[in-house]
Amino acid sequence: MSHRFRFVGAKQNNSTWLITGEEHTHLAKVLRLNVGTEVEVMAGLESGENSGSWCIGVLTDIKSGSAVVSVTESMKDLPGLLRMVIAVGALGHGELDEVIPPLVELGVDEIVVFGQVDQSKSRINEKSVDRWQRMILNACKQCKRALFPKLTVLKNCEELVALSASWGVKLVGAAEAGPDLGAAANGVNQDSPEFLAKPVVAAVIGSEKGLSDRETILLTSAGFTPVRLGNHVLRAKTAAIAVAAVLADRLARPPSLMI
């Protein structure tokens, strides 16, 4: 099968999608695709009831400012019963940029970035958040994921604790204490009424210096279980990706459905 480029577009009806804006510019001016090219199109972030919808189709008209795709196959990605959340302390300049795309590719449902004690406030700003959102969109296009993960940005660990009230299984990376991450994940009873009431598996990773003693106490008091991430000390960005990979192996993702 030849490679098909994927774009974000708007579903017009069951037989037609429209590509506009920056996506159209990339299609027409950068890739220079022609009428007759087979492409994929998925609904964008603000797609409402069309969230998770995507199609395979053929470019039938490329105008100034828009391109029309005639649908040959319609698909919809469905959210799984379980949700995976990875929370990471705000890393230094550019470091988090290397973490977000792999988390998207591994199927994380929500990426939480939180500020920590003694961190520069410049690590979380409007420009950074906009950049991370664009990275999420581009990563979804690259890995052909039609359900966009949510990006949540918090000021501190206290806000993280408040958010965690809706999470079922809560883990926090620790250098030495606690069970191995894999063993902890395997021990989750996914059929228990308690878990089904809050079907979320979440893990927290500190930034470069880890979590402060106060932050660790806050999290453990809120029900987070410390887990070991292996035999070696991992860098924060490595730890976040490793945790997501282990948890993704335990969470079933339903296939796309043809509609």
Protein backbone atom coordinates (compact mmCIF):
# COMPACT_ATOMS: atom_id res chain seq x y z
CA MET A 1 0.00 0.00 0.00
CA SER A 2 1.39 3.38 -0.97
CA HIS A 3 1.69 6.12 1.65
CA ARG A 4 -1.31 8.39 2.13
CA PHE A 5 -0.88 11.85 3.62
CA ARG A 6 -3.30 12.71 6.42
CA PHE A 7 -4.86 16.14 6.91
CA VAL A 8 -7.25 17.80 9.35
CA GLY A 9 -10.48 18.86 7.68
CA ALA A 10 -14.20 19.38 8.14
CA LYS A 11 -16.83 16.78 7.32
CA GLN A 12 -19.44 18.30 5.00
CA ASN A 13 -21.61 15.21 4.63
CA ASN A 14 -21.19 11.43 4.31
CA SER A 15 -19.52 11.79 0.91
CA THR A 16 -17.43 14.96 1.17
CA TRP A 17 -14.77 16.52 3.42
CA LEU A 18 -13.23 19.99 3.03
CA ILE A 19 -9.61 20.95 3.75
CA THR A 20 -8.90 24.65 4.38
CA GLY A 21 -6.47 26.99 6.14
CA GLU A 22 -2.93 25.88 6.95
CA GLU A 23 -3.77 22.31 6.04
CA HIS A 24 -4.77 23.39 2.55
CA THR A 25 -1.58 25.46 2.22
CA HIS A 26 0.51 22.44 3.18
CA LEU A 27 -1.40 20.23 0.73
CA ALA A 28 -1.27 22.61 -2.22
CA LYS A 29 1.90 24.67 -1.75
CA VAL A 30 4.26 22.35 0.13
CA LEU A 31 3.30 18.83 -0.93
CA ARG A 32 1.85 20.02 -4.26
CA LEU A 33 -0.70 17.24 -4.40
CA ASN A 34 -2.88 16.94 -7.47
CA VAL A 35 -6.51 16.09 -8.15
CA GLY A 36 -6.86 12.31 -8.08
CA THR A 37 -4.43 11.79 -5.18
CA GLU A 38 -5.71 9.50 -2.43
CA VAL A 39 -5.50 11.08 1.04
CA GLU A 40 -6.84 10.69 4.56
CA VAL A 41 -8.76 13.40 6.42
CA MET A 42 -9.69 13.53 10.10
CA ALA A 43 -11.85 15.83 12.19
CA GLY A 44 -10.09 18.57 14.15
CA LEU A 45 -9.96 19.47 17.83
CA GLU A 46 -13.30 21.31 17.87
CA SER A 47 -15.22 18.64 15.98
CA GLY A 48 -18.00 17.85 18.47
CA GLU A 49 -20.01 14.82 17.44
CA ASN A 50 -17.51 14.13 14.63
CA SER A 51 -14.66 13.62 17.11
CA GLY A 52 -12.68 10.54 16.09
CA SER A 53 -14.10 10.54 12.56
CA TRP A 54 -11.81 10.20 9.58
CA CYS A 55 -11.95 9.02 6.01
CA ILE A 56 -10.00 7.77 3.05
CA GLY A 57 -10.82 9.68 -0.07
CA VAL A 58 -9.67 11.24 -3.32
CA LEU A 59 -8.90 14.89 -3.99
CA THR A 60 -11.52 15.95 -6.52
CA ASP A 61 -11.09 19.74 -6.50
CA ILE A 62 -8.22 21.98 -5.35
CA LYS A 63 -9.09 25.66 -5.29
CA SER A 64 -7.46 28.74 -3.84
CA GLY A 65 -8.09 28.30 -0.13
CA SER A 66 -9.82 24.92 -0.11
CA ALA A 67 -9.61 21.34 -1.32
CA VAL A 68 -12.48 18.88 -1.70
CA VAL A 69 -12.10 15.21 -0.79
CA SER A 70 -14.62 12.67 -2.07
CA VAL A 71 -15.00 9.84 0.44
CA THR A 72 -14.30 6.23 -0.48
CA GLU A 73 -14.23 4.85 3.10
CA SER A 74 -15.55 6.42 6.30
CA MET A 75 -14.07 5.42 9.67
CA LYS A 76 -14.43 6.36 13.33
CA ASP A 77 -11.98 5.78 16.18
CA LEU A 78 -13.76 5.04 19.46
CA PRO A 79 -12.44 5.92 22.92
CA GLY A 80 -11.54 2.97 25.11
CA LEU A 81 -13.23 2.27 28.43
CA LEU A 82 -9.91 2.94 30.16
CA ARG A 83 -8.18 6.31 30.00
CA MET A 84 -4.45 6.84 30.42
CA VAL A 85 -3.13 10.06 31.92
CA ILE A 86 0.55 11.04 32.14
CA ALA A 87 1.43 14.07 34.27
CA VAL A 88 4.91 15.56 33.88
CA GLY A 89 6.57 18.35 35.81
CA ALA A 90 7.36 21.20 33.42
CA LEU A 91 10.77 20.47 31.91
CA GLY A 92 13.42 22.91 30.70
CA HIS A 93 13.29 24.65 27.33
CA GLY A 94 12.72 22.18 24.51
CA GLU A 95 12.79 19.09 26.73
CA LEU A 96 9.03 18.64 26.85
CA ASP A 97 8.93 18.98 23.07
CA GLU A 98 10.71 15.63 22.90
CA VAL A 99 8.20 13.99 25.25
CA ILE A 100 4.83 15.03 23.85
CA PRO A 101 4.95 13.32 20.41
CA PRO A 102 5.85 9.86 21.84
CA LEU A 103 3.07 10.19 24.43
CA VAL A 104 0.60 10.90 21.64
CA GLU A 105 1.87 7.94 19.61
CA LEU A 106 1.55 5.63 22.62
CA GLY A 107 -2.12 6.49 23.05
CA VAL A 108 -2.08 8.72 26.13
CA ASP A 109 -5.56 10.24 26.57
CA GLU A 110 -4.53 13.25 28.63
CA ILE A 111 -1.14 14.94 29.00
CA VAL A 112 -0.83 17.06 32.13
CA VAL A 113 2.01 19.57 32.56
CA PHE A 114 2.37 21.05 36.03
CA GLY A 115 4.66 23.61 37.61
CA GLN A 116 6.91 22.61 40.49
CA VAL A 117 8.63 24.26 43.43
CA ASP A 118 11.66 26.39 42.50
CA GLN A 119 10.86 26.20 38.78
CA SER A 120 10.99 29.24 36.53
CA LYS A 121 7.48 30.37 35.61
CA SER A 122 8.74 30.87 32.06
CA ARG A 123 8.59 27.11 31.56
CA ILE A 124 4.82 27.40 31.21
CA ASN A 125 3.60 30.30 29.12
CA GLU A 126 1.08 30.97 26.39
CA LYS A 127 3.57 30.44 23.57
CA SER A 128 4.68 27.10 25.02
CA VAL A 129 1.09 25.88 25.40
CA ASP A 130 0.27 26.87 21.81
CA ARG A 131 3.38 25.05 20.60
CA TRP A 132 2.47 21.90 22.56
CA GLN A 133 -1.04 21.94 21.08
CA ARG A 134 0.40 22.15 17.56
CA MET A 135 2.77 19.30 18.37
CA ILE A 136 -0.16 17.17 19.54
CA LEU A 137 -2.02 17.84 16.30
CA ASN A 138 1.03 17.07 14.14
CA ALA A 139 1.79 13.91 16.13
CA CYS A 140 -1.81 12.73 15.67
CA LYS A 141 -1.48 13.25 11.92
CA GLN A 142 1.86 11.45 11.81
CA CYS A 143 0.73 8.40 13.81
CA LYS A 144 -2.76 8.51 12.23
CA ARG A 145 -4.64 8.90 15.48
CA ALA A 146 -8.07 10.49 15.10
CA LEU A 147 -8.80 11.00 18.81
CA PHE A 148 -6.80 13.95 20.11
CA PRO A 149 -5.39 13.70 23.63
CA LYS A 150 -6.33 16.49 26.01
CA LEU A 151 -3.60 18.89 27.13
CA THR A 152 -4.02 20.19 30.69
CA VAL A 153 -1.64 22.79 32.13
CA LEU A 154 -1.54 23.36 35.90
CA LYS A 155 0.29 25.87 38.08
CA ASN A 156 1.44 23.50 40.81
CA CYS A 157 1.15 20.14 42.53
CA GLU A 158 -1.85 21.28 44.57
CA GLU A 159 -3.86 21.73 41.37
CA LEU A 160 -2.67 18.31 40.24
CA VAL A 161 -3.96 16.73 43.46
CA ALA A 162 -7.35 18.42 42.97
CA LEU A 163 -7.57 17.15 39.38
CA SER A 164 -6.67 13.61 40.47
CA ALA A 165 -9.91 13.21 42.43
CA SER A 166 -11.52 11.78 39.27
CA TRP A 167 -8.71 9.27 38.60
CA GLY A 168 -8.98 5.63 39.65
CA VAL A 169 -5.48 4.15 39.72
CA LYS A 170 -2.87 6.75 40.68
CA LEU A 171 0.86 6.08 40.45
CA VAL A 172 3.90 8.27 41.04
CA GLY A 173 7.42 7.50 39.84
CA ALA A 174 9.94 6.98 42.64
CA ALA A 175 13.63 6.15 42.57
CA GLU A 176 13.53 3.32 45.10
CA ALA A 177 10.27 2.97 47.01
CA GLY A 178 7.30 0.89 46.00
CA PRO A 179 6.61 -2.02 43.66
CA ASP A 180 7.80 -2.27 40.09
CA LEU A 181 5.59 -0.33 37.65
CA GLY A 182 4.77 -3.44 35.63
CA ALA A 183 3.72 -5.37 38.72
CA ALA A 184 1.56 -2.47 39.90
CA ALA A 185 -0.15 -2.24 36.52
CA ASN A 186 -0.74 -5.99 36.37
CA GLY A 187 -2.32 -5.86 39.82
CA VAL A 188 -5.11 -3.53 38.71
CA ASN A 189 -8.50 -5.25 38.83
CA GLN A 190 -10.19 -3.70 35.81
CA ASP A 191 -13.48 -5.46 36.60
CA SER A 192 -13.84 -4.12 40.13
CA PRO A 193 -16.74 -1.72 40.79
CA GLU A 194 -14.28 0.80 42.25
CA PHE A 195 -12.21 0.87 39.07
CA LEU A 196 -15.21 0.89 36.74
CA ALA A 197 -16.49 3.96 38.59
CA LYS A 198 -13.22 5.78 37.78
CA PRO A 199 -11.63 3.95 34.82
CA VAL A 200 -8.51 6.12 34.68
CA VAL A 201 -4.90 4.99 35.13
CA ALA A 202 -2.65 7.97 35.83
CA ALA A 203 1.06 8.34 36.50
CA VAL A 204 3.03 11.36 37.69
CA ILE A 205 6.66 12.04 36.78
CA GLY A 206 8.63 14.93 38.28
CA SER A 207 10.87 17.24 36.26
CA GLU A 208 14.69 17.16 36.19
CA LYS A 209 15.11 17.23 39.97
CA GLY A 210 12.21 14.89 40.60
CA LEU A 211 9.51 15.74 43.12
CA SER A 212 10.19 17.66 46.31
CA ASP A 213 9.49 16.00 49.66
CA ARG A 214 6.42 18.20 50.06
CA GLU A 215 5.08 17.29 46.62
CA THR A 216 5.65 13.61 47.30
CA ILE A 217 3.72 13.87 50.57
CA LEU A 218 0.89 15.72 48.83
CA LEU A 219 0.59 13.02 46.18
CA THR A 220 0.85 10.01 48.47
CA SER A 221 -1.69 11.58 50.83
CA ALA A 222 -4.03 11.90 47.83
CA GLY A 223 -3.79 8.17 47.13
CA PHE A 224 -0.84 7.98 44.73
CA THR A 225 1.21 4.79 44.99
CA PRO A 226 5.01 5.15 44.56
CA VAL A 227 6.37 2.79 41.89
CA ARG A 228 9.87 1.97 40.70
CA LEU A 229 10.63 2.51 37.02
CA GLY A 230 13.48 0.03 36.72
CA ASN A 231 16.98 -0.65 38.02
CA HIS A 232 18.47 2.66 36.89
CA VAL A 233 17.74 6.33 37.45
CA LEU A 234 15.90 7.62 34.38
CA ARG A 235 15.87 11.15 33.07
CA ALA A 236 12.43 12.75 33.41
CA LYS A 237 11.68 12.65 29.69
CA THR A 238 12.79 9.01 29.45
CA ALA A 239 10.70 8.10 32.49
CA ALA A 240 7.54 9.69 31.07
CA ILE A 241 7.84 7.79 27.79
CA ALA A 242 8.75 4.52 29.54
CA VAL A 243 5.75 4.75 31.88
CA ALA A 244 3.41 5.46 28.97
CA ALA A 245 4.79 2.47 27.04
CA VAL A 246 4.26 0.09 29.97
CA LEU A 247 0.74 1.33 30.68
CA ALA A 248 -0.21 1.33 26.99
CA ASP A 249 0.67 -2.35 26.87
CA ARG A 250 -2.03 -2.96 29.49
CA LEU A 251 -4.78 -0.75 28.05
CA ALA A 252 -6.83 -2.10 25.16
CA ARG A 253 -7.52 0.39 22.36
CA PRO A 254 -10.54 -0.47 20.19
CA PRO A 255 -9.90 -0.56 16.42
CA SER A 256 -11.33 1.94 13.97
CA LEU A 257 -14.82 1.09 12.82
CA MET A 258 -16.00 1.50 9.25
CA ILE A 259 -19.15 3.60 9.19
